[in-house]
Protein backbone atom coordinates (compact mmCIF):
# COMPACT_ATOMS: atom_id res chain seq x y z
CA UNK A 1 0.00 0.00 0.00
CA UNK A 2 2.80 2.33 0.92
CA UNK A 3 4.64 1.48 -2.33
CA UNK A 4 1.53 2.15 -4.39
CA UNK A 5 0.94 5.46 -2.68
CA UNK A 6 4.56 6.48 -3.20
CA UNK A 7 4.35 5.63 -6.89
CA UNK A 8 1.25 7.75 -7.32
CA UNK A 9 2.92 10.68 -5.57
CA UNK A 10 5.98 10.42 -7.82
CA UNK A 11 3.85 10.16 -10.95
CA UNK A 12 1.91 13.26 -9.93
CA UNK A 13 5.13 15.13 -9.29
CA UNK A 14 6.43 14.22 -12.74
CA UNK A 15 3.24 15.43 -14.38
CA UNK A 16 3.44 18.67 -12.43
CA UNK A 17 7.05 19.06 -13.44
CA UNK A 18 6.26 18.48 -17.10
CA UNK A 19 3.35 20.91 -16.89
CA UNK A 20 5.55 23.49 -15.22
CA UNK A 21 8.24 23.08 -17.89
CA UNK A 22 5.65 23.42 -20.63
CA UNK A 23 4.25 26.56 -19.07
CA UNK A 24 7.70 28.10 -18.81
CA UNK A 25 8.45 27.39 -22.47
CA UNK A 26 5.14 28.85 -23.58
CA UNK A 27 5.68 31.95 -21.46
CA UNK A 28 9.18 32.39 -22.86
CA UNK A 29 7.91 32.02 -26.41
CA UNK A 30 5.11 34.47 -25.81
CA UNK A 31 7.49 36.96 -24.19
CA UNK A 32 9.92 36.63 -27.09
CA UNK A 33 7.10 37.09 -29.59
CA UNK A 34 5.79 40.17 -27.76
CA UNK A 35 9.30 41.64 -27.57
CA UNK A 36 9.80 41.08 -31.31
CA UNK A 37 6.44 42.68 -32.11
CA UNK A 38 7.24 45.67 -29.86
CA UNK A 39 10.61 46.09 -31.55
CA UNK A 40 8.99 45.95 -34.97
CA UNK A 41 6.39 48.50 -33.92
CA UNK A 42 9.10 50.78 -32.51
CA UNK A 43 11.13 50.48 -35.71
CA UNK A 44 8.06 51.22 -37.81
CA UNK A 45 7.26 54.24 -35.65
CA UNK A 46 10.82 55.52 -35.98
CA UNK A 47 10.71 55.02 -39.75
CA UNK A 48 7.42 56.93 -39.94
CA UNK A 49 8.87 59.71 -37.80
CA UNK A 50 11.97 59.92 -39.98
CA UNK A 51 9.79 60.07 -43.09
CA UNK A 52 7.70 62.82 -41.56
CA UNK A 53 10.82 64.74 -40.63
CA UNK A 54 12.06 64.41 -44.21
CA UNK A 55 8.74 65.75 -45.48
CA UNK A 56 8.93 68.71 -43.11
CA UNK A 57 12.44 69.48 -44.32
CA UNK A 58 11.26 69.50 -47.92
CA UNK A 59 8.30 71.70 -47.04
CA UNK A 60 10.51 74.22 -45.29
CA UNK A 61 13.38 74.19 -47.74
CA UNK A 62 16.50 76.16 -46.96
CA UNK A 63 16.75 77.21 -50.61
CA UNK A 64 17.25 80.93 -51.08
CA UNK A 65 15.85 82.13 -54.41
CA UNK A 66 17.95 84.78 -56.12
CA UNK A 67 15.82 87.56 -57.63
CA UNK A 68 17.42 90.15 -59.91
CA UNK A 69 16.07 93.65 -60.39
CA UNK A 70 16.75 97.04 -61.92
CA UNK A 71 18.79 99.73 -60.20
CA UNK A 72 16.27 102.56 -60.54
CA UNK A 73 12.71 102.29 -61.82
CA UNK A 74 10.83 104.46 -59.36
CA UNK A 75 8.34 103.79 -57.80
CA UNK A 76 8.82 100.07 -58.49
CA UNK A 77 12.45 99.82 -57.35
CA UNK A 78 14.77 102.59 -56.19
CA UNK A 79 16.98 103.75 -53.33
CA UNK A 80 15.20 106.09 -50.93
CA UNK A 81 16.62 109.02 -48.95
CA UNK A 82 17.67 106.65 -46.16
CA UNK A 83 19.70 104.52 -48.54
CA UNK A 84 17.23 101.64 -48.46
CA UNK A 85 16.27 99.84 -51.64
CA UNK A 86 12.47 100.03 -51.79
CA UNK A 87 9.53 100.20 -54.16
CA UNK A 88 6.33 98.53 -55.26
CA UNK A 89 8.15 95.50 -56.68
CA UNK A 90 10.19 95.05 -53.50
CA UNK A 91 7.14 95.25 -51.24
CA UNK A 92 5.09 92.89 -53.40
CA UNK A 93 7.93 90.36 -53.53
CA UNK A 94 8.40 90.55 -49.76
CA UNK A 95 4.68 90.15 -49.04
CA UNK A 96 4.42 87.15 -51.37
CA UNK A 97 7.51 85.49 -49.87
CA UNK A 98 6.06 85.83 -46.37
CA UNK A 99 2.71 84.49 -47.53
CA UNK A 100 4.29 81.48 -49.25
CA UNK A 101 7.09 80.91 -46.77
CA UNK A 102 10.09 81.04 -49.08
CA UNK A 103 13.42 82.81 -48.71
CA UNK A 104 14.91 85.12 -51.31
CA UNK A 105 17.84 87.41 -51.99
CA UNK A 106 17.56 90.52 -54.17
CA UNK A 107 20.43 91.38 -56.50
CA UNK A 108 20.29 94.97 -57.78
CA UNK A 109 21.92 94.59 -61.18
CA UNK A 110 20.20 96.84 -63.71
CA UNK A 111 17.79 95.89 -66.48
CA UNK A 112 20.15 94.31 -69.02
CA UNK A 113 22.30 92.66 -66.36
CA UNK A 114 19.22 91.17 -64.67
CA UNK A 115 18.12 89.52 -67.88
CA UNK A 116 21.64 88.23 -68.52
CA UNK A 117 21.96 86.87 -64.97
CA UNK A 118 18.70 84.94 -65.29
CA UNK A 119 19.64 83.56 -68.70
CA UNK A 120 23.04 82.47 -67.37
CA UNK A 121 21.53 80.77 -64.33
CA UNK A 122 23.10 83.24 -61.90
CA UNK A 123 19.65 84.42 -60.79
CA UNK A 124 16.42 82.43 -60.49
CA UNK A 125 13.96 85.15 -61.41
CA UNK A 126 13.52 88.83 -62.19
CA UNK A 127 11.13 91.51 -60.99
CA UNK A 128 11.67 94.91 -62.57
CA UNK A 129 8.45 96.27 -64.03
CA UNK A 130 8.73 93.88 -66.98
CA UNK A 131 5.77 94.07 -69.36
CA UNK A 132 4.27 90.75 -70.37
CA UNK A 133 4.42 90.44 -74.17
CA UNK A 134 4.11 87.63 -76.69
CA UNK A 135 7.48 88.58 -78.15
CA UNK A 136 9.20 88.08 -74.80
CA UNK A 137 7.40 84.80 -74.21
CA UNK A 138 8.56 83.55 -77.59
CA UNK A 139 12.14 84.49 -76.75
CA UNK A 140 12.18 82.44 -73.54
CA UNK A 141 10.65 84.60 -70.83
CA UNK A 142 8.26 82.69 -68.53
CA UNK A 143 5.91 85.12 -66.78
CA UNK A 144 3.80 85.08 -63.66
CA UNK A 145 0.29 86.43 -63.59
CA UNK A 146 0.25 90.19 -64.12
CA UNK A 147 0.67 92.25 -60.96
CA UNK A 148 0.29 95.80 -62.37
CA UNK A 149 -1.13 97.45 -65.50
CA UNK A 150 0.94 100.20 -67.11
CA UNK A 151 1.42 101.87 -70.48
CA UNK A 152 4.26 103.85 -72.05
CA UNK A 153 4.28 107.46 -73.16
CA UNK A 154 6.62 110.27 -74.17
CA UNK A 155 8.06 113.02 -72.00
CA UNK A 156 10.02 116.16 -72.90
CA UNK A 157 11.85 118.90 -71.05
CA UNK A 158 9.56 121.34 -69.29
CA UNK A 159 8.63 124.17 -71.65
CA UNK A 160 9.66 122.21 -74.76
CA UNK A 161 8.12 123.12 -78.13
CA UNK A 162 7.48 119.43 -78.81
CA UNK A 163 3.75 118.82 -78.44
CA UNK A 164 3.46 115.46 -80.14
CA UNK A 165 5.11 112.85 -82.33
CA UNK A 166 4.94 115.09 -85.40
CA UNK A 167 7.45 117.44 -83.78
CA UNK A 168 10.12 114.72 -83.48
CA UNK A 169 11.22 114.68 -87.12
CA UNK A 170 15.01 114.73 -87.35
CA UNK A 171 15.46 114.55 -83.59
CA UNK A 172 16.82 111.91 -81.20
CA UNK A 173 14.72 110.34 -78.44
CA UNK A 174 15.88 108.30 -75.47
CA UNK A 175 14.69 104.85 -74.42
CA UNK A 176 15.82 102.24 -71.90
CA UNK A 177 17.53 99.28 -73.57
CA UNK A 178 15.32 96.22 -74.22
CA UNK A 179 12.33 97.80 -72.51
CA UNK A 180 8.71 97.97 -73.62
CA UNK A 181 9.11 101.71 -74.09
CA UNK A 182 12.01 101.02 -76.47
CA UNK A 183 9.79 98.71 -78.49
CA UNK A 184 7.11 101.40 -78.60
CA UNK A 185 9.51 104.10 -79.80
CA UNK A 186 11.12 101.79 -82.36
CA UNK A 187 7.71 100.92 -83.80
CA UNK A 188 6.95 104.55 -84.73
CA UNK A 189 10.47 105.92 -85.36
CA UNK A 190 10.32 105.62 -89.15
CA UNK A 191 6.80 107.00 -89.29
CA UNK A 192 7.77 110.20 -87.46
CA UNK A 193 11.38 110.46 -88.62
CA UNK A 194 13.27 110.35 -85.32
CA UNK A 195 16.25 108.29 -84.18
CA UNK A 196 16.51 106.21 -81.02
CA UNK A 197 19.26 106.55 -78.38
CA UNK A 198 19.59 103.80 -75.77
CA UNK A 199 20.24 104.18 -72.03
CA UNK A 200 20.87 101.65 -69.27
CA UNK A 201 18.49 103.23 -66.73
CA UNK A 202 15.70 105.77 -66.47
CA UNK A 203 17.43 108.46 -64.32
CA UNK A 204 20.32 108.76 -66.76
CA UNK A 205 17.85 109.02 -69.64
CA UNK A 206 15.85 111.72 -67.86
CA UNK A 207 18.97 113.78 -67.31
CA UNK A 208 19.70 113.51 -71.03
CA UNK A 209 16.26 114.96 -71.77
CA UNK A 210 16.75 117.84 -69.33
CA UNK A 211 20.28 118.43 -70.58
CA UNK A 212 19.22 118.49 -74.23
CA UNK A 213 21.18 115.43 -75.36
CA UNK A 214 17.88 113.97 -76.59
CA UNK A 215 14.69 115.82 -77.45
CA UNK A 216 12.35 113.43 -75.64
CA UNK A 217 12.19 110.04 -74.01
CA UNK A 218 9.79 107.11 -73.89
CA UNK A 219 9.21 105.29 -70.62
CA UNK A 220 6.50 103.69 -68.51
CA UNK A 221 3.97 106.39 -67.67
CA UNK A 222 3.74 105.77 -63.88
CA UNK A 223 7.53 105.78 -63.64
CA UNK A 224 7.89 109.19 -65.28
CA UNK A 225 4.93 110.62 -63.38
CA UNK A 226 6.38 109.46 -60.06
CA UNK A 227 9.84 110.87 -60.82
CA UNK A 228 8.47 114.23 -61.95
CA UNK A 229 6.29 114.47 -58.83
CA UNK A 230 8.87 113.32 -56.27
CA UNK A 231 12.09 114.79 -57.61
CA UNK A 232 10.84 117.95 -59.31
CA UNK A 233 12.89 117.13 -62.40
CA UNK A 234 12.14 119.55 -65.25
CA UNK A 235 10.13 117.20 -67.47
CA UNK A 236 6.53 116.89 -68.55
CA UNK A 237 4.56 114.04 -70.09
CA UNK A 238 3.08 114.85 -73.49
CA UNK A 239 -0.66 114.25 -73.59
CA UNK A 240 -1.97 111.81 -76.17
CA UNK A 241 1.31 109.88 -76.55
CA UNK A 242 0.44 106.82 -74.46
CA UNK A 243 -0.01 103.36 -75.95
CA UNK A 244 -2.33 100.58 -74.84
CA UNK A 245 -1.55 99.36 -71.29
CA UNK A 246 0.17 96.03 -70.63
CA UNK A 247 0.66 94.02 -67.45
CA UNK A 248 3.89 93.80 -65.49
CA UNK A 249 4.96 90.29 -64.54
CA UNK A 250 7.54 88.45 -62.48
CA UNK A 251 9.74 86.42 -64.86
CA UNK A 252 11.94 83.35 -64.96
CA UNK A 253 14.03 82.09 -67.86
CA UNK A 254 14.41 78.44 -66.85
CA UNK A 255 11.43 76.07 -66.66
CA UNK A 256 13.14 74.28 -63.74
CA UNK A 257 12.23 77.34 -61.64
CA UNK A 258 8.49 76.96 -62.29
CA UNK A 259 8.01 76.45 -58.54
CA UNK A 260 8.98 80.09 -58.01
CA UNK A 261 6.36 81.28 -60.51
CA UNK A 262 3.71 79.05 -58.89
CA UNK A 263 4.47 80.46 -55.44
CA UNK A 264 4.45 84.01 -56.81
CA UNK A 265 1.02 83.49 -58.40
CA UNK A 266 -0.46 81.89 -55.29
CA UNK A 267 0.95 84.58 -53.04
CA UNK A 268 -0.19 87.37 -55.35
CA UNK A 269 -3.75 86.05 -55.27
CA UNK A 270 -3.63 85.90 -51.47
CA UNK A 271 -2.26 89.42 -50.91
CA UNK A 272 -4.85 90.80 -53.32
CA UNK A 273 -7.59 89.00 -51.40
CA UNK A 274 -6.46 90.15 -47.94
CA UNK A 275 -5.87 93.80 -48.90
CA UNK A 276 -2.07 93.84 -48.65
CA UNK A 277 -1.67 94.51 -52.37
CA UNK A 278 -3.91 97.60 -52.27
CA UNK A 279 -1.97 98.92 -49.27
CA UNK A 280 1.31 98.59 -51.17
CA UNK A 281 -0.01 100.40 -54.25
CA UNK A 282 -1.52 103.17 -52.13
CA UNK A 283 1.77 103.59 -50.25
CA UNK A 284 3.62 104.54 -53.45
CA UNK A 285 0.96 105.88 -55.80
CA UNK A 286 -1.77 107.15 -53.50
């Protein structure tokens, strides 16, 4: 009886031992599996976080867009009495950059040099009161939406006997190289018998008019009106000499910079909608 009882006790102990060993193995396997799953989830989370961080970096790019401009095209770009480079173009560009969250650097190069810098890839875009024309588009200019309407007209020295195009026969008139006003003057030069003299910037051209080196000049009407009003230069715009208005546009010369045009257009629409655009125009033109 004692032997039988002892055998039963030993058998029970063995079963309990086997059960305990099985439970330990299962628990170890489950723990290992849970640890592996946790590690995989952590790795996946880290991968997702890294991807998100990469996306944020792309969205807030450190790229600084280089924008070329003219040296003096008041009131669109010019140096004020404090020595600051200001103007309608500068304020519009700044407002759009803030709205769209991009960085930029302005290079004050002059009209011809700005075009050359963009074409050579030394600048990404240009804002300088550039009229949007089919001819320019065909030659490689890529324009934004128009941000200002302006036309061109003729101005002469105050008190001049020249009252219209008919009085220009045999005389020389000034224009800014490769500008819309140059195109306008060139288109009627043969008809009215005058010759065209080219200048790099508007202030130099205006001084030539006042000094008598040229009998008249052609330029964007708001530019001449602003200069006459603000500086008191001895010039007057001749009534009836204006052409049909055209829009000014921001320009690029490389399709790879289309992103800059897209941001400019989106920002322009936003600052027009929220009133910032009107405030800028009123600041310079009233």
